[in-house]
Amino acid sequence: MITINAILVGLLGLMVGSFINAVVWRIHEHKPIARDRSECENCHHKLGLWDLIPVFSWLFLKGRCRYCHKPISVQNPLVELLTGGLFMLSYIQLAPVSTLGRINFVVWLYVLGSLIVLSLYDWRWMLLPDVVMMPALLVALIPLVAAIATGQPHQVWLGPIIAALLAGGSFYLLAAVSSGRWMGGGDIKLVALIGLVLGLQMTVVAMFLAFTIAAVVSLGLIATKRKTRRDHIAFGPFLALGCVLAMLYGHQLLNWYNNLLFRG
């Protein structure tokens, strides 16, 4: 059910999405992430408040910079809408109630924003930057520390730690065996992050979804001759998508799968 709180969280997501676009560009341009004001990627003119309203500014300016009139990528409003939608869906699906639940939810929103940044950057430049990854890993530890501090059962915090170690260790072995051709260091850290966030069972779901979707997309790109078998395809976005789907719909997917097995 869409509530006022869900809408407010969605609006927050729109603003975060606007910041995400700026973060991706600033990292690539080796600029400070948080200190400088936003600027046009083409003419570098500092942007005013009316240039930064999510989605609306892009529509009002007809997709062009107010100052140099060069086109602004449609990626900007799409990322804003995607982030807003995922924030609202997260609130609807996760519905935080307890204090620990609220902590987990805030942490998830931070990780979700980080996953979007990492996906965009990896898709464009085949790299998962540590400047985004490392803070996300540290933030993902907060619920585990809170669970230990409040005397929660060990399953609450031990499962995610085991998941992170198993997922990260498995990807490390894949990277070692392939000399880095199959997986990179960024992928290892990303699956460790996913393990910390999802726990053991949902991490398995996320990995299954990531590999399945990546295989389907890769075959589609090869079939349409947009890629060849020798081309590398960023795996980070698929890992992030698997994580999001497992977090929001993992239990429903497991129930659906179990029902299929039971009927069979």
C-alpha atoms as a PDB file:
ATOM      1  CA  MET A   1       0.000   0.000   0.000  1.00  0.00           C
ATOM      2  CA  ILE A   2       1.262   3.464  -0.924  1.00  0.00           C
ATOM      3  CA  THR A   3       1.177   5.668   2.165  1.00  0.00           C
ATOM      4  CA  ILE A   4       2.237   9.241   2.843  1.00  0.00           C
ATOM      5  CA  ASN A   5       5.449   7.927   4.381  1.00  0.00           C
ATOM      6  CA  ALA A   6       6.146   5.847   1.273  1.00  0.00           C
ATOM      7  CA  ILE A   7       5.642   8.912  -0.936  1.00  0.00           C
ATOM      8  CA  LEU A   8       7.964  10.982   1.258  1.00  0.00           C
ATOM      9  CA  VAL A   9      10.630   8.284   1.052  1.00  0.00           C
ATOM     10  CA  GLY A  10      10.128   8.247  -2.728  1.00  0.00           C
ATOM     11  CA  LEU A  11      10.653  12.015  -2.883  1.00  0.00           C
ATOM     12  CA  LEU A  12      13.819  11.563  -0.856  1.00  0.00           C
ATOM     13  CA  GLY A  13      14.881   9.007  -3.444  1.00  0.00           C
ATOM     14  CA  LEU A  14      14.367  11.548  -6.247  1.00  0.00           C
ATOM     15  CA  MET A  15      16.754  13.937  -4.509  1.00  0.00           C
ATOM     16  CA  VAL A  16      19.249  11.150  -3.836  1.00  0.00           C
ATOM     17  CA  GLY A  17      19.029  10.172  -7.508  1.00  0.00           C
ATOM     18  CA  SER A  18      19.969  13.725  -8.489  1.00  0.00           C
ATOM     19  CA  PHE A  19      22.983  13.508  -6.204  1.00  0.00           C
ATOM     20  CA  ILE A  20      23.873  10.080  -7.617  1.00  0.00           C
ATOM     21  CA  ASN A  21      24.202  11.550 -11.117  1.00  0.00           C
ATOM     22  CA  ALA A  22      26.563  14.179  -9.744  1.00  0.00           C
ATOM     23  CA  VAL A  23      28.567  11.609  -7.760  1.00  0.00           C
ATOM     24  CA  VAL A  24      29.161   9.371 -10.802  1.00  0.00           C
ATOM     25  CA  TRP A  25      30.420  12.315 -12.850  1.00  0.00           C
ATOM     26  CA  ARG A  26      32.561  13.729 -10.039  1.00  0.00           C
ATOM     27  CA  ILE A  27      34.261  10.397  -9.363  1.00  0.00           C
ATOM     28  CA  HIS A  28      35.109  10.009 -13.038  1.00  0.00           C
ATOM     29  CA  GLU A  29      36.415  13.579 -13.228  1.00  0.00           C
ATOM     30  CA  HIS A  30      38.383  13.127  -9.968  1.00  0.00           C
ATOM     31  CA  LYS A  31      36.475  15.935  -8.304  1.00  0.00           C
ATOM     32  CA  PRO A  32      35.455  16.107  -4.609  1.00  0.00           C
ATOM     33  CA  ILE A  33      32.179  14.244  -4.133  1.00  0.00           C
ATOM     34  CA  ALA A  34      30.527  16.481  -1.550  1.00  0.00           C
ATOM     35  CA  ARG A  35      32.363  19.801  -1.340  1.00  0.00           C
ATOM     36  CA  ASP A  36      31.777  21.536  -4.682  1.00  0.00           C
ATOM     37  CA  ARG A  37      28.453  22.821  -6.014  1.00  0.00           C
ATOM     38  CA  SER A  38      26.944  20.957  -8.950  1.00  0.00           C
ATOM     39  CA  GLU A  39      27.928  22.211 -12.377  1.00  0.00           C
ATOM     40  CA  CYS A  40      27.156  21.586 -16.032  1.00  0.00           C
ATOM     41  CA  GLU A  41      29.265  18.743 -17.423  1.00  0.00           C
ATOM     42  CA  ASN A  42      29.815  20.711 -20.639  1.00  0.00           C
ATOM     43  CA  CYS A  43      30.312  24.397 -19.756  1.00  0.00           C
ATOM     44  CA  HIS A  44      31.072  23.841 -16.014  1.00  0.00           C
ATOM     45  CA  HIS A  45      28.737  26.687 -15.009  1.00  0.00           C
ATOM     46  CA  LYS A  46      27.638  26.334 -11.381  1.00  0.00           C
ATOM     47  CA  LEU A  47      24.002  25.257 -11.246  1.00  0.00           C
ATOM     48  CA  GLY A  48      21.344  27.108  -9.299  1.00  0.00           C
ATOM     49  CA  LEU A  49      18.477  25.710  -7.251  1.00  0.00           C
ATOM     50  CA  TRP A  50      16.047  25.756 -10.171  1.00  0.00           C
ATOM     51  CA  ASP A  51      18.485  23.697 -12.238  1.00  0.00           C
ATOM     52  CA  LEU A  52      18.578  20.916  -9.650  1.00  0.00           C
ATOM     53  CA  ILE A  53      14.928  20.004  -9.075  1.00  0.00           C
ATOM     54  CA  PRO A  54      14.762  16.256  -9.846  1.00  0.00           C
ATOM     55  CA  VAL A  55      13.067  15.390 -13.171  1.00  0.00           C
ATOM     56  CA  PHE A  56      11.238  18.748 -13.312  1.00  0.00           C
ATOM     57  CA  SER A  57      14.357  20.778 -14.171  1.00  0.00           C
ATOM     58  CA  TRP A  58      15.251  18.442 -17.037  1.00  0.00           C
ATOM     59  CA  LEU A  59      11.713  18.619 -18.428  1.00  0.00           C
ATOM     60  CA  PHE A  60      11.420  22.387 -17.951  1.00  0.00           C
ATOM     61  CA  LEU A  61      14.758  22.999 -19.681  1.00  0.00           C
ATOM     62  CA  LYS A  62      13.834  20.511 -22.426  1.00  0.00           C
ATOM     63  CA  GLY A  63      16.893  18.418 -21.714  1.00  0.00           C
ATOM     64  CA  ARG A  64      19.378  21.232 -22.263  1.00  0.00           C
ATOM     65  CA  CYS A  65      21.682  23.277 -20.057  1.00  0.00           C
ATOM     66  CA  ARG A  66      20.236  26.681 -19.162  1.00  0.00           C
ATOM     67  CA  TYR A  67      23.619  28.336 -19.778  1.00  0.00           C
ATOM     68  CA  CYS A  68      25.341  26.621 -22.723  1.00  0.00           C
ATOM     69  CA  HIS A  69      22.197  25.005 -24.198  1.00  0.00           C
ATOM     70  CA  LYS A  70      23.975  21.722 -24.837  1.00  0.00           C
ATOM     71  CA  PRO A  71      21.978  18.507 -24.289  1.00  0.00           C
ATOM     72  CA  ILE A  72      21.775  17.003 -20.799  1.00  0.00           C
ATOM     73  CA  SER A  73      21.799  13.213 -20.818  1.00  0.00           C
ATOM     74  CA  VAL A  74      18.424  11.528 -20.377  1.00  0.00           C
ATOM     75  CA  GLN A  75      20.273   9.372 -17.836  1.00  0.00           C
ATOM     76  CA  ASN A  76      19.744  12.139 -15.276  1.00  0.00           C
ATOM     77  CA  PRO A  77      15.939  12.014 -14.982  1.00  0.00           C
ATOM     78  CA  LEU A  78      15.897   8.237 -15.489  1.00  0.00           C
ATOM     79  CA  VAL A  79      18.273   7.682 -12.568  1.00  0.00           C
ATOM     80  CA  GLU A  80      16.246  10.091 -10.432  1.00  0.00           C
ATOM     81  CA  LEU A  81      13.013   8.239 -11.235  1.00  0.00           C
ATOM     82  CA  LEU A  82      14.656   4.847 -10.698  1.00  0.00           C
ATOM     83  CA  THR A  83      16.065   5.860  -7.320  1.00  0.00           C
ATOM     84  CA  GLY A  84      12.798   7.431  -6.208  1.00  0.00           C
ATOM     85  CA  GLY A  85      10.854   4.364  -7.259  1.00  0.00           C
ATOM     86  CA  LEU A  86      13.219   1.948  -5.526  1.00  0.00           C
ATOM     87  CA  PHE A  87      13.207   4.011  -2.325  1.00  0.00           C
ATOM     88  CA  MET A  88       9.414   3.968  -2.258  1.00  0.00           C
ATOM     89  CA  LEU A  89       9.250   0.240  -3.071  1.00  0.00           C
ATOM     90  CA  SER A  90      11.763  -0.401  -0.299  1.00  0.00           C
ATOM     91  CA  TYR A  91       9.539   1.334   2.226  1.00  0.00           C
ATOM     92  CA  ILE A  92       6.461  -0.540   1.022  1.00  0.00           C
ATOM     93  CA  GLN A  93       8.167  -3.943   1.054  1.00  0.00           C
ATOM     94  CA  LEU A  94      10.310  -3.624   4.172  1.00  0.00           C
ATOM     95  CA  ALA A  95       7.983  -1.476   6.322  1.00  0.00           C
ATOM     96  CA  PRO A  96      10.359  -0.736   9.233  1.00  0.00           C
ATOM     97  CA  VAL A  97       8.637  -0.814  12.648  1.00  0.00           C
ATOM     98  CA  SER A  98      11.132  -1.556  15.430  1.00  0.00           C
ATOM     99  CA  THR A  99      14.173   0.549  16.273  1.00  0.00           C
ATOM    100  CA  LEU A 100      16.494  -2.092  14.839  1.00  0.00           C
ATOM    101  CA  GLY A 101      14.256  -2.324  11.785  1.00  0.00           C
ATOM    102  CA  ARG A 102      14.548   1.427  11.210  1.00  0.00           C
ATOM    103  CA  ILE A 103      18.326   1.206  11.515  1.00  0.00           C
ATOM    104  CA  ASN A 104      18.349  -1.613   8.973  1.00  0.00           C
ATOM    105  CA  PHE A 105      16.109   0.377   6.647  1.00  0.00           C
ATOM    106  CA  VAL A 106      18.262   3.524   6.724  1.00  0.00           C
ATOM    107  CA  VAL A 107      21.341   1.393   6.114  1.00  0.00           C
ATOM    108  CA  TRP A 108      19.570  -0.303   3.203  1.00  0.00           C
ATOM    109  CA  LEU A 109      18.736   3.049   1.611  1.00  0.00           C
ATOM    110  CA  TYR A 110      22.399   4.064   1.843  1.00  0.00           C
ATOM    111  CA  VAL A 111      23.513   0.747   0.356  1.00  0.00           C
ATOM    112  CA  LEU A 112      20.838   1.011  -2.345  1.00  0.00           C
ATOM    113  CA  GLY A 113      22.100   4.435  -3.378  1.00  0.00           C
ATOM    114  CA  SER A 114      25.649   3.067  -3.408  1.00  0.00           C
ATOM    115  CA  LEU A 115      24.574   0.120  -5.574  1.00  0.00           C
ATOM    116  CA  ILE A 116      23.087   2.497  -8.137  1.00  0.00           C
ATOM    117  CA  VAL A 117      26.295   4.562  -8.230  1.00  0.00           C
ATOM    118  CA  LEU A 118      28.413   1.425  -8.581  1.00  0.00           C
ATOM    119  CA  SER A 119      26.172   0.011 -11.306  1.00  0.00           C
ATOM    120  CA  LEU A 120      26.272   3.185 -13.396  1.00  0.00           C
ATOM    121  CA  TYR A 121      30.021   3.537 -13.027  1.00  0.00           C
ATOM    122  CA  ASP A 122      30.760  -0.119 -13.740  1.00  0.00           C
ATOM    123  CA  TRP A 123      28.495  -0.206 -16.787  1.00  0.00           C
ATOM    124  CA  ARG A 124      30.205   2.837 -18.320  1.00  0.00           C
ATOM    125  CA  TRP A 125      33.819   2.368 -17.232  1.00  0.00           C
ATOM    126  CA  MET A 126      34.128  -1.265 -16.060  1.00  0.00           C
ATOM    127  CA  LEU A 127      35.218  -0.279 -12.569  1.00  0.00           C
ATOM    128  CA  LEU A 128      33.709  -0.428  -9.071  1.00  0.00           C
ATOM    129  CA  PRO A 129      35.358   2.511  -7.268  1.00  0.00           C
ATOM    130  CA  ASP A 130      36.542   2.013  -3.704  1.00  0.00           C
ATOM    131  CA  VAL A 131      35.509   5.558  -2.809  1.00  0.00           C
ATOM    132  CA  VAL A 132      31.909   4.280  -2.944  1.00  0.00           C
ATOM    133  CA  MET A 133      32.469   0.643  -2.021  1.00  0.00           C
ATOM    134  CA  MET A 134      34.413   1.028   1.213  1.00  0.00           C
ATOM    135  CA  PRO A 135      31.975   3.422   2.961  1.00  0.00           C
ATOM    136  CA  ALA A 136      29.104   1.136   1.938  1.00  0.00           C
ATOM    137  CA  LEU A 137      30.860  -1.845   3.524  1.00  0.00           C
ATOM    138  CA  LEU A 138      31.375   0.094   6.737  1.00  0.00           C
ATOM    139  CA  VAL A 139      27.760   1.289   6.817  1.00  0.00           C
ATOM    140  CA  ALA A 140      26.549  -2.294   6.203  1.00  0.00           C
ATOM    141  CA  LEU A 141      28.247  -3.317   9.447  1.00  0.00           C
ATOM    142  CA  ILE A 142      26.109  -0.911  11.522  1.00  0.00           C
ATOM    143  CA  PRO A 143      23.061  -3.230  11.893  1.00  0.00           C
ATOM    144  CA  LEU A 144      25.328  -6.104  12.902  1.00  0.00           C
ATOM    145  CA  VAL A 145      27.021  -4.006  15.571  1.00  0.00           C
ATOM    146  CA  ALA A 146      23.595  -2.779  16.752  1.00  0.00           C
ATOM    147  CA  ALA A 147      22.307  -6.363  16.906  1.00  0.00           C
ATOM    148  CA  ILE A 148      25.279  -7.477  18.991  1.00  0.00           C
ATOM    149  CA  ALA A 149      25.013  -4.423  21.265  1.00  0.00           C
ATOM    150  CA  THR A 150      21.293  -5.030  21.922  1.00  0.00           C
ATOM    151  CA  GLY A 151      21.747  -8.746  22.642  1.00  0.00           C
ATOM    152  CA  GLN A 152      20.004 -10.075  19.532  1.00  0.00           C
ATOM    153  CA  PRO A 153      20.277 -13.839  18.810  1.00  0.00           C
ATOM    154  CA  HIS A 154      23.554 -14.733  17.143  1.00  0.00           C
ATOM    155  CA  GLN A 155      21.717 -15.816  13.974  1.00  0.00           C
ATOM    156  CA  VAL A 156      20.819 -12.158  13.353  1.00  0.00           C
ATOM    157  CA  TRP A 157      24.430 -11.031  12.967  1.00  0.00           C
ATOM    158  CA  LEU A 158      26.373 -14.251  12.357  1.00  0.00           C
ATOM    159  CA  GLY A 159      24.503 -15.200   9.168  1.00  0.00           C
ATOM    160  CA  PRO A 160      25.435 -11.990   7.303  1.00  0.00           C
ATOM    161  CA  ILE A 161      29.068 -12.318   8.327  1.00  0.00           C
ATOM    162  CA  ILE A 162      29.193 -15.921   7.081  1.00  0.00           C
ATOM    163  CA  ALA A 163      27.437 -14.881   3.870  1.00  0.00           C
ATOM    164  CA  ALA A 164      29.959 -12.093   3.262  1.00  0.00           C
ATOM    165  CA  LEU A 165      32.905 -14.434   3.863  1.00  0.00           C
ATOM    166  CA  LEU A 166      31.519 -17.236   1.682  1.00  0.00           C
ATOM    167  CA  ALA A 167      30.457 -14.954  -1.181  1.00  0.00           C
ATOM    168  CA  GLY A 168      33.641 -12.916  -1.105  1.00  0.00           C
ATOM    169  CA  GLY A 169      35.781 -16.035  -0.760  1.00  0.00           C
ATOM    170  CA  SER A 170      34.045 -17.755  -3.696  1.00  0.00           C
ATOM    171  CA  PHE A 171      34.562 -14.759  -5.943  1.00  0.00           C
ATOM    172  CA  TYR A 172      38.170 -14.481  -4.783  1.00  0.00           C
ATOM    173  CA  LEU A 173      38.743 -18.073  -5.915  1.00  0.00           C
ATOM    174  CA  LEU A 174      37.128 -17.318  -9.295  1.00  0.00           C
ATOM    175  CA  ALA A 175      39.390 -14.287  -9.686  1.00  0.00           C
ATOM    176  CA  ALA A 176      42.482 -16.282  -8.676  1.00  0.00           C
ATOM    177  CA  VAL A 177      41.729 -19.226 -10.982  1.00  0.00           C
ATOM    178  CA  SER A 178      41.043 -16.930 -13.953  1.00  0.00           C
ATOM    179  CA  SER A 179      43.867 -14.491 -13.174  1.00  0.00           C
ATOM    180  CA  GLY A 180      41.260 -11.742 -12.890  1.00  0.00           C
ATOM    181  CA  ARG A 181      39.533 -12.459 -16.228  1.00  0.00           C
ATOM    182  CA  TRP A 182      36.267 -13.715 -14.694  1.00  0.00           C
ATOM    183  CA  MET A 183      36.021 -11.522 -11.605  1.00  0.00           C
ATOM    184  CA  GLY A 184      37.842  -8.449 -10.340  1.00  0.00           C
ATOM    185  CA  GLY A 185      38.610  -7.067  -6.910  1.00  0.00           C
ATOM    186  CA  GLY A 186      35.569  -4.801  -7.077  1.00  0.00           C
ATOM    187  CA  ASP A 187      33.271  -7.772  -7.655  1.00  0.00           C
ATOM    188  CA  ILE A 188      34.748  -9.529  -4.605  1.00  0.00           C
ATOM    189  CA  LYS A 189      34.020  -6.544  -2.380  1.00  0.00           C
ATOM    190  CA  LEU A 190      30.570  -6.094  -3.904  1.00  0.00           C
ATOM    191  CA  VAL A 191      29.438  -9.644  -3.132  1.00  0.00           C
ATOM    192  CA  ALA A 192      30.830  -9.278   0.388  1.00  0.00           C
ATOM    193  CA  LEU A 193      28.666  -6.161   0.740  1.00  0.00           C
ATOM    194  CA  ILE A 194      25.664  -8.097  -0.556  1.00  0.00           C
ATOM    195  CA  GLY A 195      26.324 -10.848   1.979  1.00  0.00           C
ATOM    196  CA  LEU A 196      26.417  -8.357   4.854  1.00  0.00           C
ATOM    197  CA  VAL A 197      23.145  -6.795   3.739  1.00  0.00           C
ATOM    198  CA  LEU A 198      21.144  -9.896   2.805  1.00  0.00           C
ATOM    199  CA  GLY A 199      22.363 -12.739   4.990  1.00  0.00           C
ATOM    200  CA  LEU A 200      23.051 -16.277   3.824  1.00  0.00           C
ATOM    201  CA  GLN A 201      19.757 -17.398   2.281  1.00  0.00           C
ATOM    202  CA  MET A 202      18.971 -14.213   0.377  1.00  0.00           C
ATOM    203  CA  THR A 203      22.571 -13.925  -0.834  1.00  0.00           C
ATOM    204  CA  VAL A 204      22.131 -17.280  -2.574  1.00  0.00           C
ATOM    205  CA  VAL A 205      18.948 -15.927  -4.193  1.00  0.00           C
ATOM    206  CA  ALA A 206      20.764 -12.746  -5.246  1.00  0.00           C
ATOM    207  CA  MET A 207      23.630 -14.699  -6.826  1.00  0.00           C
ATOM    208  CA  PHE A 208      21.246 -16.973  -8.715  1.00  0.00           C
ATOM    209  CA  LEU A 209      19.329 -13.975 -10.059  1.00  0.00           C
ATOM    210  CA  ALA A 210      22.515 -12.082 -10.966  1.00  0.00           C
ATOM    211  CA  PHE A 211      24.060 -14.946 -12.933  1.00  0.00           C
ATOM    212  CA  THR A 212      20.758 -15.826 -14.645  1.00  0.00           C
ATOM    213  CA  ILE A 213      19.962 -12.253 -15.715  1.00  0.00           C
ATOM    214  CA  ALA A 214      23.573 -11.648 -16.810  1.00  0.00           C
ATOM    215  CA  ALA A 215      23.480 -14.797 -18.970  1.00  0.00           C
ATOM    216  CA  VAL A 216      20.193 -13.789 -20.624  1.00  0.00           C
ATOM    217  CA  VAL A 217      21.366 -10.221 -21.296  1.00  0.00           C
ATOM    218  CA  SER A 218      24.747 -11.393 -22.596  1.00  0.00           C
ATOM    219  CA  LEU A 219      23.128 -13.853 -24.995  1.00  0.00           C
ATOM    220  CA  GLY A 220      20.780 -11.103 -26.161  1.00  0.00           C
ATOM    221  CA  LEU A 221      23.670  -8.704 -26.818  1.00  0.00           C
ATOM    222  CA  ILE A 222      25.571 -11.389 -28.718  1.00  0.00           C
ATOM    223  CA  ALA A 223      22.479 -12.397 -30.727  1.00  0.00           C
ATOM    224  CA  THR A 224      21.903  -8.770 -31.765  1.00  0.00           C
ATOM    225  CA  LYS A 225      25.637  -8.400 -32.540  1.00  0.00           C
ATOM    226  CA  ARG A 226      26.054  -5.553 -30.079  1.00  0.00           C
ATOM    227  CA  LYS A 227      28.686  -7.647 -28.317  1.00  0.00           C
ATOM    228  CA  THR A 228      30.899 -10.566 -29.282  1.00  0.00           C
ATOM    229  CA  ARG A 229      31.887 -13.568 -27.209  1.00  0.00           C
ATOM    230  CA  ARG A 230      35.269 -11.945 -26.569  1.00  0.00           C
ATOM    231  CA  ASP A 231      33.834  -8.688 -25.221  1.00  0.00           C
ATOM    232  CA  HIS A 232      33.739  -8.066 -21.487  1.00  0.00           C
ATOM    233  CA  ILE A 233      30.430  -7.122 -19.879  1.00  0.00           C
ATOM    234  CA  ALA A 234      30.301  -5.407 -16.497  1.00  0.00           C
ATOM    235  CA  PHE A 235      28.964  -7.840 -13.894  1.00  0.00           C
ATOM    236  CA  GLY A 236      28.496  -5.260 -11.129  1.00  0.00           C
ATOM    237  CA  PRO A 237      25.086  -4.034 -12.358  1.00  0.00           C
ATOM    238  CA  PHE A 238      23.762  -7.605 -12.408  1.00  0.00           C
ATOM    239  CA  LEU A 239      25.027  -8.262  -8.887  1.00  0.00           C
ATOM    240  CA  ALA A 240      23.372  -5.036  -7.743  1.00  0.00           C
ATOM    241  CA  LEU A 241      20.107  -5.957  -9.483  1.00  0.00           C
ATOM    242  CA  GLY A 242      20.171  -9.414  -7.905  1.00  0.00           C
ATOM    243  CA  CYS A 243      20.703  -7.827  -4.497  1.00  0.00           C
ATOM    244  CA  VAL A 244      17.790  -5.409  -4.922  1.00  0.00           C
ATOM    245  CA  LEU A 245      15.424  -8.126  -6.162  1.00  0.00           C
ATOM    246  CA  ALA A 246      16.427 -10.471  -3.344  1.00  0.00           C
ATOM    247  CA  MET A 247      15.971  -7.756  -0.721  1.00  0.00           C
ATOM    248  CA  LEU A 248      12.556  -6.636  -1.962  1.00  0.00           C
ATOM    249  CA  TYR A 249      11.088  -9.855  -3.368  1.00  0.00           C
ATOM    250  CA  GLY A 250      13.385 -12.689  -2.278  1.00  0.00           C
ATOM    251  CA  HIS A 251      10.908 -14.387   0.058  1.00  0.00           C
ATOM    252  CA  GLN A 252       8.132 -14.205  -2.538  1.00  0.00           C
ATOM    253  CA  LEU A 253      10.447 -15.733  -5.146  1.00  0.00           C
ATOM    254  CA  LEU A 254      11.403 -18.545  -2.777  1.00  0.00           C
ATOM    255  CA  ASN A 255       7.744 -19.249  -1.966  1.00  0.00           C
ATOM    256  CA  TRP A 256       6.912 -19.291  -5.684  1.00  0.00           C
ATOM    257  CA  TYR A 257       9.783 -21.687  -6.379  1.00  0.00           C
ATOM    258  CA  ASN A 258       8.832 -23.976  -3.485  1.00  0.00           C
ATOM    259  CA  ASN A 259       5.221 -24.053  -4.690  1.00  0.00           C
ATOM    260  CA  LEU A 260       6.418 -25.122  -8.146  1.00  0.00           C
ATOM    261  CA  LEU A 261       8.452 -27.943  -6.612  1.00  0.00           C
ATOM    262  CA  PHE A 262       5.576 -29.016  -4.368  1.00  0.00           C
ATOM    263  CA  ARG A 263       3.118 -29.095  -7.286  1.00  0.00           C
ATOM    264  CA  GLY A 264       5.658 -31.016  -9.326  1.00  0.00           C
END
